[in-house]
Amino acid sequence: MVTEDAVRKVLRQVKDPELNLSIVDLGLVYDVSVQEDGDVEIRMSLTSPGCPSGPEIVGDAQRAVKGLDGVKEVNVEIVWEPYWTPERIDPRVRGYLGL
């Protein structure tokens, strides 16, 4: 059975192409839910509503998670509440970036 930790681990490989940072480290992934039937629901945001890389990021996330054994369907929902801010970035990454 697929676990939330396994999904989050594979999502660390998905990068925002403009920032070249993991969507998990950026704090874009808000919630991951794994159903007993192998369906995975992901609630995430983007750095801005007009993010030109949004479709690419969503597609990369879907493909990465779909590659896990036991995953049937992947649904990525883009949400705007809470609105993403740089404070959502992992503290270690913020320190590295000097934020």
Protein backbone atom coordinates (compact mmCIF):
# COMPACT_ATOMS: atom_id res chain seq x y z
CA MET A 1 0.00 0.00 0.00
CA VAL A 2 1.15 3.52 -0.83
CA THR A 3 1.81 5.82 2.13
CA GLU A 4 1.66 9.58 2.51
CA ASP A 5 5.38 9.58 3.31
CA ALA A 6 6.16 7.75 0.05
CA VAL A 7 4.11 10.30 -1.91
CA ARG A 8 5.83 13.24 -0.20
CA LYS A 9 9.23 11.65 -0.83
CA VAL A 10 8.60 11.31 -4.57
CA LEU A 11 7.15 14.85 -4.69
CA ARG A 12 10.54 16.11 -3.40
CA GLN A 13 11.86 15.21 -6.86
CA VAL A 14 9.40 17.60 -8.53
CA LYS A 15 10.96 21.02 -8.95
CA ASP A 16 9.63 24.45 -9.69
CA PRO A 17 11.43 25.03 -13.00
CA GLU A 18 11.83 28.77 -12.38
CA LEU A 19 13.37 28.39 -8.90
CA ASN A 20 14.91 24.89 -9.35
CA LEU A 21 13.70 23.94 -5.87
CA SER A 22 11.51 21.05 -4.75
CA ILE A 23 7.80 21.84 -4.50
CA VAL A 24 7.86 20.22 -1.03
CA ASP A 25 10.77 22.38 0.16
CA LEU A 26 9.02 25.45 -1.24
CA GLY A 27 5.97 24.64 0.88
CA LEU A 28 3.69 24.32 -2.13
CA VAL A 29 2.31 20.92 -1.09
CA TYR A 30 -0.38 21.54 1.52
CA ASP A 31 -1.96 18.11 1.93
CA VAL A 32 -1.56 14.54 0.68
CA SER A 33 -4.28 11.93 1.10
CA VAL A 34 -3.90 8.28 0.09
CA GLN A 35 -7.10 6.26 -0.27
CA GLU A 36 -7.32 2.52 0.38
CA ASP A 37 -8.00 1.89 -3.32
CA GLY A 38 -4.69 3.49 -4.35
CA ASP A 39 -6.06 6.88 -5.39
CA VAL A 40 -3.98 9.86 -4.26
CA GLU A 41 -5.30 13.36 -3.64
CA ILE A 42 -2.85 16.26 -3.46
CA ARG A 43 -3.77 19.79 -2.42
CA MET A 44 -1.11 22.28 -3.39
CA SER A 45 -0.57 25.86 -4.40
CA LEU A 46 1.73 27.75 -6.72
CA THR A 47 3.95 30.73 -5.94
CA SER A 48 1.41 32.98 -7.67
CA PRO A 49 -1.94 32.65 -9.47
CA GLY A 50 -0.28 33.64 -12.74
CA CYS A 51 2.61 31.18 -12.41
CA PRO A 52 3.48 30.23 -16.00
CA SER A 53 4.97 26.92 -14.83
CA GLY A 54 1.76 25.78 -13.10
CA PRO A 55 0.68 23.22 -15.71
CA GLU A 56 4.21 21.82 -15.93
CA ILE A 57 4.50 21.47 -12.13
CA VAL A 58 1.10 19.79 -11.83
CA GLY A 59 1.92 17.38 -14.68
CA ASP A 60 5.31 16.54 -13.17
CA ALA A 61 3.69 15.89 -9.77
CA GLN A 62 1.05 13.63 -11.31
CA ARG A 63 3.62 11.65 -13.28
CA ALA A 64 5.96 11.27 -10.29
CA VAL A 65 3.23 9.98 -7.97
CA LYS A 66 1.64 7.80 -10.65
CA GLY A 67 5.01 6.03 -10.92
CA LEU A 68 4.71 4.67 -7.37
CA ASP A 69 3.67 1.02 -7.08
CA GLY A 70 0.05 0.72 -6.01
CA VAL A 71 -1.08 4.17 -7.18
CA LYS A 72 -4.15 4.09 -9.41
CA GLU A 73 -5.24 7.69 -9.90
CA VAL A 74 -3.66 11.01 -8.94
CA ASN A 75 -5.71 14.14 -8.50
CA VAL A 76 -3.86 17.42 -7.96
CA GLU A 77 -6.03 20.28 -6.74
CA ILE A 78 -4.60 23.79 -6.91
CA VAL A 79 -5.78 25.86 -3.96
CA TRP A 80 -5.25 29.49 -3.00
CA GLU A 81 -6.08 29.29 0.70
CA PRO A 82 -3.93 29.66 2.53
CA TYR A 83 -2.15 31.87 0.03
CA TRP A 84 1.48 30.85 -0.49
CA THR A 85 4.16 33.16 0.93
CA PRO A 86 7.95 32.70 1.25
CA GLU A 87 7.43 31.90 4.94
CA ARG A 88 6.10 28.49 3.81
CA ILE A 89 9.55 27.56 2.46
CA ASP A 90 11.35 24.95 4.57
CA PRO A 91 13.44 26.86 7.16
CA ARG A 92 16.68 25.17 6.03
CA VAL A 93 16.06 26.22 2.43
CA ARG A 94 15.11 29.74 3.52
CA GLY A 95 18.45 29.95 5.36
CA TYR A 96 20.29 28.72 2.28
CA LEU A 97 18.53 31.33 0.17
CA GLY A 98 19.26 34.04 2.72
CA LEU A 99 15.57 34.75 3.37
